[in-house]
Amino acid sequence: MTSAPRGREIAVVAFAQTDHRRASDELSEVEMLMPVLHEVLDRTGLKTADIDFTCSGSSDYLAGRAFSFTLALDGVGAWPPISESHVEMDGAWALYEAWTKLLTGDADTALVYAYGKSSPGSVRDVLTRQLDPYYVAPLWPDSVALAALQAQALIDAGDTDEPALAAVASRNRAAATANPHAQLRGPVPQGDHLVHPLRTGDCPPIGDGAAAVILAAGDRARALCARPAWIRGIDHRIEAHGLGVRDLTDSPSTRLAAERAGAFERPVDTAELHAPFSAQEIVLRKALRLGDDVDVNPSGGALAANPIMAAGLIRIGEAAARVHRGQSDRALAHATSGPCLQQNLVAVLEGEAR
């Protein structure tokens, strides 16, 4: 069980993100990130020197150079020396590392950030580097083709059809009309088939963006935020690397992570799901046992904005922000990495009783 032990409560106390755009050619990664870092610190009144631990998530493959994350530290301020770490994954996993750091008592505050610029290259090709290097990657199946395999498996199993997939995409982007940071808002044509059965509207937009959150423990969290979003549980699980040995219509790793995080102990009122493709929301709803009474992706989700390496952290941030605003009492946040929902993280956040 990866729920927080008694005596050390940890919460998300602030969240900020960029306005997500198709391209930000005029900005470096540091220039894109700095306003977000300033905003999230300003929300709490903290200075860089007040942060006990910093952890980031990004991908050298997107940047096209090794150890590119070290350049982003210019935006944080690495002098005087700071306690810092990095994961070559979505920022949601950086948040998990920061959470464990605070659990140990070695830190009371943590800054977590993530960023990705997808516009300079072909994301569909870059993501093939995640695949099994011996049997799958040499075939170069791109991320959309693999998502289409998953969608077709769901259709063949009778779990969905193309009109239902279109409805998922439409609902998410309609919700995004209230999100000023979303890249796609309101009605978006489904378009032609990109890879059958997925149409353009079933796929996420390609874009650049960044996000950051601040974690704090105990009374420090209460001092920094009027209504902290307490992390009652968080867990992540992974499935087999080989696509051929998986049932793509189900996500047992998501279900197990949710169980270990305590998501099934009591109903949630909100769920922010990292489902870049419309068919993946079908899989996740089933695995997480989400009924129609749960507000799913009120931010618009990854179908409205999908900055690679930051979209999962944004799901946690958006869920936390609803708790901060009093719009949610118990929210679930989900992040994914790898092809066809291979690795999944689930967090449960709660606000104190009002």
Protein backbone atom coordinates (compact mmCIF):
# COMPACT_ATOMS: atom_id res chain seq x y z
CA MET A 1 0.00 0.00 0.00
CA THR A 2 1.52 3.34 -0.99
CA SER A 3 -0.74 5.62 0.95
CA ALA A 4 1.00 8.14 3.20
CA PRO A 5 1.91 6.85 6.69
CA ARG A 6 0.31 8.51 9.68
CA GLY A 7 2.07 11.60 10.95
CA ARG A 8 3.42 12.77 7.58
CA GLU A 9 0.70 14.21 5.39
CA ILE A 10 1.79 15.65 2.05
CA ALA A 11 -0.20 17.94 -0.21
CA VAL A 12 -0.10 19.74 -3.51
CA VAL A 13 -0.23 23.40 -2.50
CA ALA A 14 0.23 25.17 -5.85
CA PHE A 15 0.01 24.44 -9.57
CA ALA A 16 0.86 26.45 -12.69
CA GLN A 17 1.15 25.71 -16.40
CA THR A 18 1.84 27.41 -19.70
CA ASP A 19 -0.68 28.22 -22.39
CA HIS A 20 -0.13 25.18 -24.57
CA ARG A 21 0.67 25.98 -28.21
CA ARG A 22 1.30 24.10 -31.44
CA ALA A 23 4.79 25.61 -31.62
CA SER A 24 6.96 27.94 -29.59
CA ASP A 25 9.89 28.36 -31.96
CA GLU A 26 10.83 31.72 -30.47
CA LEU A 27 11.36 30.24 -26.99
CA SER A 28 14.01 27.92 -25.62
CA GLU A 29 12.96 25.30 -23.09
CA VAL A 30 14.31 27.49 -20.29
CA GLU A 31 12.40 30.54 -21.54
CA MET A 32 9.21 28.48 -21.79
CA LEU A 33 9.68 27.12 -18.27
CA MET A 34 10.71 30.21 -16.29
CA PRO A 35 7.33 32.01 -16.18
CA VAL A 36 5.70 28.81 -14.88
CA LEU A 37 8.28 28.46 -12.11
CA HIS A 38 7.84 32.08 -11.11
CA GLU A 39 4.05 31.73 -11.08
CA VAL A 40 3.96 28.57 -8.96
CA LEU A 41 6.37 30.09 -6.42
CA ASP A 42 4.38 33.34 -6.33
CA ARG A 43 1.21 31.38 -5.49
CA THR A 44 2.80 30.29 -2.23
CA GLY A 45 5.05 33.26 -1.51
CA LEU A 46 8.06 30.95 -1.49
CA LYS A 47 11.49 31.78 -2.88
CA THR A 48 13.83 29.31 -4.55
CA ALA A 49 15.87 29.18 -1.34
CA ASP A 50 12.77 27.98 0.54
CA ILE A 51 12.50 24.81 -1.58
CA ASP A 52 14.12 21.78 0.07
CA PHE A 53 14.03 19.47 -2.97
CA THR A 54 13.57 19.92 -6.71
CA CYS A 55 12.66 17.17 -9.17
CA SER A 56 11.93 17.42 -12.90
CA GLY A 57 10.67 15.26 -15.74
CA SER A 58 11.62 15.65 -19.41
CA SER A 59 13.02 13.74 -22.38
CA ASP A 60 16.41 14.11 -24.04
CA TYR A 61 14.90 12.53 -27.17
CA LEU A 62 12.59 15.51 -27.64
CA ALA A 63 15.41 17.99 -27.06
CA GLY A 64 17.80 16.07 -29.29
CA ARG A 65 20.72 16.30 -26.89
CA ALA A 66 22.01 14.38 -23.89
CA PHE A 67 21.46 15.72 -20.35
CA SER A 68 19.30 18.52 -21.72
CA PHE A 69 17.55 18.81 -18.36
CA THR A 70 20.66 20.41 -16.88
CA LEU A 71 20.01 23.49 -19.03
CA ALA A 72 16.55 23.83 -17.50
CA LEU A 73 18.15 24.24 -14.09
CA ASP A 74 19.13 27.73 -15.25
CA GLY A 75 15.44 28.55 -14.89
CA VAL A 76 15.35 27.17 -11.35
CA GLY A 77 18.55 28.73 -10.11
CA ALA A 78 21.11 26.09 -9.16
CA TRP A 79 23.36 28.39 -7.15
CA PRO A 80 23.74 28.25 -4.21
CA PRO A 81 23.71 24.44 -4.69
CA ILE A 82 20.28 22.78 -4.43
CA SER A 83 19.05 19.25 -3.76
CA GLU A 84 17.89 18.18 -7.21
CA SER A 85 16.88 15.07 -9.17
CA HIS A 86 15.48 14.23 -12.60
CA VAL A 87 13.45 11.44 -14.21
CA GLU A 88 13.45 10.67 -17.93
CA MET A 89 9.66 10.35 -17.74
CA ASP A 90 6.51 12.38 -17.42
CA GLY A 91 6.61 14.82 -14.53
CA ALA A 92 4.02 12.74 -12.66
CA TRP A 93 6.83 10.32 -11.86
CA ALA A 94 9.01 13.22 -10.72
CA LEU A 95 6.18 14.10 -8.33
CA TYR A 96 6.22 10.51 -7.06
CA GLU A 97 9.95 10.80 -6.30
CA ALA A 98 9.42 14.12 -4.54
CA TRP A 99 6.55 12.62 -2.52
CA THR A 100 8.81 9.82 -1.30
CA LYS A 101 11.50 12.38 -0.42
CA LEU A 102 9.06 14.30 1.76
CA LEU A 103 7.86 11.06 3.36
CA THR A 104 11.35 10.41 4.68
CA GLY A 105 11.33 13.71 6.54
CA ASP A 106 14.42 14.93 4.69
CA ALA A 107 12.41 17.76 3.13
CA ASP A 108 9.29 19.78 3.94
CA THR A 109 8.80 21.43 0.54
CA ALA A 110 9.44 20.30 -3.02
CA LEU A 111 9.25 21.88 -6.45
CA VAL A 112 8.27 19.52 -9.27
CA TYR A 113 8.25 20.61 -12.90
CA ALA A 114 8.07 19.09 -16.35
CA TYR A 115 8.27 20.37 -19.90
CA GLY A 116 8.32 19.22 -23.48
CA LYS A 117 8.72 20.78 -26.91
CA SER A 118 7.21 18.37 -29.41
CA SER A 119 7.03 20.82 -32.30
CA PRO A 120 10.64 20.59 -33.61
CA GLY A 121 10.41 16.94 -34.71
CA SER A 122 8.12 14.00 -35.41
CA VAL A 123 6.67 12.82 -32.10
CA ARG A 124 5.28 9.71 -33.77
CA ASP A 125 8.81 8.64 -34.69
CA VAL A 126 10.45 9.74 -31.43
CA LEU A 127 8.07 7.62 -29.34
CA THR A 128 9.11 4.45 -31.19
CA ARG A 129 12.27 4.58 -29.05
CA GLN A 130 10.14 3.38 -26.13
CA LEU A 131 9.47 0.06 -27.81
CA ASP A 132 11.14 -3.32 -27.43
CA PRO A 133 14.45 -2.74 -29.25
CA TYR A 134 14.75 -6.27 -30.65
CA TYR A 135 11.36 -7.24 -32.07
CA VAL A 136 9.13 -4.16 -32.25
CA ALA A 137 11.18 -0.98 -32.63
CA PRO A 138 12.90 -2.16 -35.87
CA LEU A 139 9.42 -2.27 -37.46
CA TRP A 140 8.88 1.44 -36.62
CA PRO A 141 5.22 1.22 -35.58
CA ASP A 142 4.43 4.77 -34.51
CA SER A 143 2.37 5.85 -31.52
CA VAL A 144 -0.80 6.48 -33.55
CA ALA A 145 -0.63 3.07 -35.25
CA LEU A 146 -0.27 1.34 -31.89
CA ALA A 147 -3.15 3.34 -30.41
CA ALA A 148 -5.21 2.32 -33.45
CA LEU A 149 -4.48 -1.35 -32.69
CA GLN A 150 -5.83 -0.76 -29.19
CA ALA A 151 -8.92 1.02 -30.50
CA GLN A 152 -9.63 -1.78 -32.98
CA ALA A 153 -9.26 -4.37 -30.22
CA LEU A 154 -11.90 -2.49 -28.21
CA ILE A 155 -14.24 -2.34 -31.20
CA ASP A 156 -13.75 -6.05 -31.90
CA ALA A 157 -14.56 -6.81 -28.26
CA GLY A 158 -17.79 -4.81 -28.50
CA ASP A 159 -16.63 -2.25 -25.93
CA THR A 160 -16.97 0.78 -28.22
CA ASP A 161 -17.47 1.96 -31.80
CA GLU A 162 -16.38 4.94 -33.87
CA PRO A 163 -19.34 7.19 -32.92
CA ALA A 164 -18.65 6.50 -29.23
CA LEU A 165 -14.98 7.44 -29.71
CA ALA A 166 -16.04 10.66 -31.42
CA ALA A 167 -18.30 11.44 -28.45
CA VAL A 168 -15.39 11.03 -26.03
CA ALA A 169 -13.26 13.47 -28.02
CA SER A 170 -16.12 15.95 -28.37
CA ARG A 171 -16.92 15.89 -24.64
CA ASN A 172 -13.31 16.50 -23.63
CA ARG A 173 -12.83 19.44 -25.97
CA ALA A 174 -16.17 20.93 -24.98
CA ALA A 175 -14.98 20.84 -21.36
CA ALA A 176 -11.78 22.58 -22.44
CA THR A 177 -13.70 25.72 -23.40
CA ALA A 178 -13.41 26.71 -19.73
CA ASN A 179 -9.65 26.05 -19.70
CA PRO A 180 -7.66 29.06 -20.92
CA HIS A 181 -4.47 26.98 -21.16
CA ALA A 182 -5.88 24.31 -23.52
CA GLN A 183 -4.58 24.07 -27.06
CA LEU A 184 -7.86 22.79 -28.56
CA ARG A 185 -11.15 24.12 -27.25
CA GLY A 186 -14.71 23.63 -28.39
CA PRO A 187 -15.90 21.76 -31.48
CA VAL A 188 -13.11 20.10 -33.47
CA PRO A 189 -13.90 18.13 -36.65
CA GLN A 190 -13.29 14.40 -36.37
CA GLY A 191 -11.64 14.54 -39.77
CA ASP A 192 -10.47 11.64 -41.89
CA HIS A 193 -9.01 8.37 -40.69
CA LEU A 194 -5.42 8.88 -39.63
CA VAL A 195 -4.86 5.20 -38.91
CA HIS A 196 -8.08 3.18 -39.00
CA PRO A 197 -10.22 3.28 -36.86
CA LEU A 198 -8.75 6.48 -35.36
CA ARG A 199 -9.63 9.76 -36.99
CA THR A 200 -7.72 13.00 -36.51
CA GLY A 201 -10.16 14.06 -33.78
CA ASP A 202 -9.44 10.89 -31.77
CA CYS A 203 -5.77 11.86 -31.44
CA PRO A 204 -4.07 14.42 -29.21
CA PRO A 205 -2.75 17.72 -30.51
CA ILE A 206 1.01 18.10 -30.92
CA GLY A 207 2.27 21.03 -28.91
CA ASP A 208 4.73 22.60 -26.51
CA GLY A 209 4.19 23.26 -22.84
CA ALA A 210 5.34 23.08 -19.24
CA ALA A 211 3.86 22.69 -15.78
CA ALA A 212 4.97 22.88 -12.15
CA VAL A 213 3.59 22.01 -8.74
CA ILE A 214 4.76 22.58 -5.18
CA LEU A 215 4.42 19.88 -2.54
CA ALA A 216 4.52 20.59 1.18
CA ALA A 217 4.13 18.50 4.32
CA GLY A 218 1.86 18.90 7.33
CA ASP A 219 1.45 22.34 8.87
CA ARG A 220 3.78 23.79 6.24
CA ALA A 221 1.17 22.90 3.62
CA ARG A 222 -1.62 24.48 5.67
CA ALA A 223 0.39 27.68 6.00
CA LEU A 224 1.01 27.88 2.25
CA CYS A 225 -2.46 27.01 0.92
CA ALA A 226 -5.98 27.76 2.19
CA ARG A 227 -7.19 24.30 1.12
CA PRO A 228 -4.33 21.90 0.37
CA ALA A 229 -4.92 18.90 -1.90
CA TRP A 230 -3.72 16.09 0.35
CA ILE A 231 -2.21 13.09 -1.42
CA ARG A 232 -4.06 10.26 0.33
CA GLY A 233 -2.45 7.63 -1.86
CA ILE A 234 -0.23 7.30 -4.91
CA ASP A 235 1.09 4.25 -6.75
CA HIS A 236 2.41 3.28 -10.16
CA ARG A 237 2.57 -0.09 -11.94
CA ILE A 238 3.88 -1.35 -15.27
CA GLU A 239 2.82 -4.05 -17.72
CA ALA A 240 4.81 -6.29 -20.02
CA HIS A 241 7.01 -4.67 -22.66
CA GLY A 242 5.75 -7.05 -25.34
CA LEU A 243 2.46 -5.82 -26.81
CA GLY A 244 1.57 -9.32 -27.96
CA VAL A 245 1.30 -10.67 -24.42
CA ARG A 246 -1.07 -7.91 -23.25
CA ASP A 247 -4.84 -7.59 -23.45
CA LEU A 248 -5.07 -4.11 -24.95
CA THR A 249 -8.76 -3.81 -24.01
CA ASP A 250 -7.89 -3.75 -20.31
CA SER A 251 -5.38 -2.02 -18.03
CA PRO A 252 -4.56 -4.22 -15.02
CA SER A 253 -1.66 -1.96 -14.06
CA THR A 254 -4.03 1.01 -13.74
CA ARG A 255 -6.45 -1.06 -11.67
CA LEU A 256 -3.70 -2.29 -9.35
CA ALA A 257 -2.21 1.21 -8.94
CA ALA A 258 -5.67 2.56 -8.10
CA GLU A 259 -6.25 -0.22 -5.58
CA ARG A 260 -2.89 0.39 -3.87
CA ALA A 261 -3.53 4.14 -3.82
CA GLY A 262 -6.87 3.61 -2.07
CA ALA A 263 -8.99 4.86 -4.95
CA PHE A 264 -11.65 2.19 -4.44
CA GLU A 265 -12.11 2.81 -0.71
CA ARG A 266 -14.55 5.67 -1.30
CA PRO A 267 -16.05 7.21 -4.45
CA VAL A 268 -14.31 10.12 -6.13
CA ASP A 269 -16.19 13.08 -7.57
CA THR A 270 -13.56 14.08 -10.16
CA ALA A 271 -11.11 12.16 -12.34
CA GLU A 272 -8.37 13.67 -14.49
CA LEU A 273 -7.31 10.90 -16.88
CA HIS A 274 -4.18 11.00 -19.02
CA ALA A 275 -5.80 9.47 -22.11
CA PRO A 276 -4.11 10.94 -25.21
CA PHE A 277 -6.35 8.89 -27.52
CA SER A 278 -10.13 8.69 -27.23
CA ALA A 279 -10.13 4.87 -27.02
CA GLN A 280 -7.84 4.97 -24.00
CA GLU A 281 -10.46 6.77 -21.94
CA ILE A 282 -12.75 3.77 -22.50
CA VAL A 283 -10.05 1.45 -21.11
CA LEU A 284 -9.29 3.68 -18.14
CA ARG A 285 -12.93 4.26 -17.15
CA LYS A 286 -13.42 0.50 -16.94
CA ALA A 287 -10.19 -0.14 -15.02
CA LEU A 288 -10.91 2.67 -12.55
CA ARG A 289 -14.62 1.80 -12.16
CA LEU A 290 -15.73 5.34 -12.97
CA GLY A 291 -19.46 5.85 -13.31
CA ASP A 292 -21.39 8.59 -15.05
CA ASP A 293 -21.60 10.51 -11.77
CA VAL A 294 -17.85 11.24 -11.87
CA ASP A 295 -16.72 14.44 -13.61
CA VAL A 296 -14.06 13.08 -16.00
CA ASN A 297 -11.50 15.52 -17.43
CA PRO A 298 -13.20 18.82 -16.60
CA SER A 299 -10.01 20.46 -17.89
CA GLY A 300 -10.36 18.81 -21.31
CA GLY A 301 -7.64 16.26 -20.65
CA ALA A 302 -4.87 15.26 -23.02
CA LEU A 303 -7.20 15.48 -26.02
CA ALA A 304 -7.22 19.24 -25.49
CA ALA A 305 -3.51 19.70 -24.66
CA ASN A 306 -0.83 17.02 -24.62
CA PRO A 307 2.65 18.43 -24.01
CA ILE A 308 4.84 15.32 -23.95
CA MET A 309 6.44 14.74 -20.52
CA ALA A 310 4.15 17.27 -18.82
CA ALA A 311 0.62 16.04 -19.59
CA GLY A 312 0.56 13.53 -16.71
CA LEU A 313 1.79 16.07 -14.17
CA ILE A 314 -0.89 18.43 -15.47
CA ARG A 315 -3.56 15.84 -14.65
CA ILE A 316 -2.39 15.85 -11.02
CA GLY A 317 -2.18 19.63 -11.02
CA GLU A 318 -5.65 20.08 -12.50
CA ALA A 319 -7.16 17.67 -9.97
CA ALA A 320 -5.38 19.47 -7.14
CA ALA A 321 -6.51 22.88 -8.40
CA ARG A 322 -10.15 21.77 -8.23
CA VAL A 323 -9.60 20.74 -4.62
CA HIS A 324 -7.97 24.12 -3.93
CA ARG A 325 -10.97 25.96 -5.41
CA GLY A 326 -13.49 23.85 -3.50
CA GLN A 327 -14.86 22.26 -6.69
CA SER A 328 -13.81 18.78 -5.59
CA ASP A 329 -13.55 16.99 -2.26
CA ARG A 330 -11.96 13.74 -3.48
CA ALA A 331 -10.28 13.56 -6.87
CA LEU A 332 -8.40 10.92 -8.80
CA ALA A 333 -5.49 11.80 -11.08
CA HIS A 334 -3.92 9.42 -13.60
CA ALA A 335 -0.76 9.55 -15.69
CA THR A 336 0.55 7.13 -18.29
CA SER A 337 3.79 6.39 -20.09
CA GLY A 338 4.70 3.99 -22.88
CA PRO A 339 2.65 2.50 -25.72
CA CYS A 340 -1.01 1.61 -25.20
CA LEU A 341 -1.11 2.55 -21.50
CA GLN A 342 1.93 0.41 -20.63
CA GLN A 343 2.82 2.13 -17.35
CA ASN A 344 0.28 3.92 -15.17
CA LEU A 345 0.29 6.11 -12.08
CA VAL A 346 -2.76 6.87 -9.95
CA ALA A 347 -3.02 9.46 -7.19
CA VAL A 348 -5.94 10.22 -4.87
CA LEU A 349 -6.24 13.80 -3.59
CA GLU A 350 -8.58 15.12 -0.94
CA GLY A 351 -9.48 18.44 0.59
CA GLU A 352 -10.16 18.82 4.29
CA ALA A 353 -13.79 18.78 5.33
CA ARG A 354 -15.51 22.12 4.92
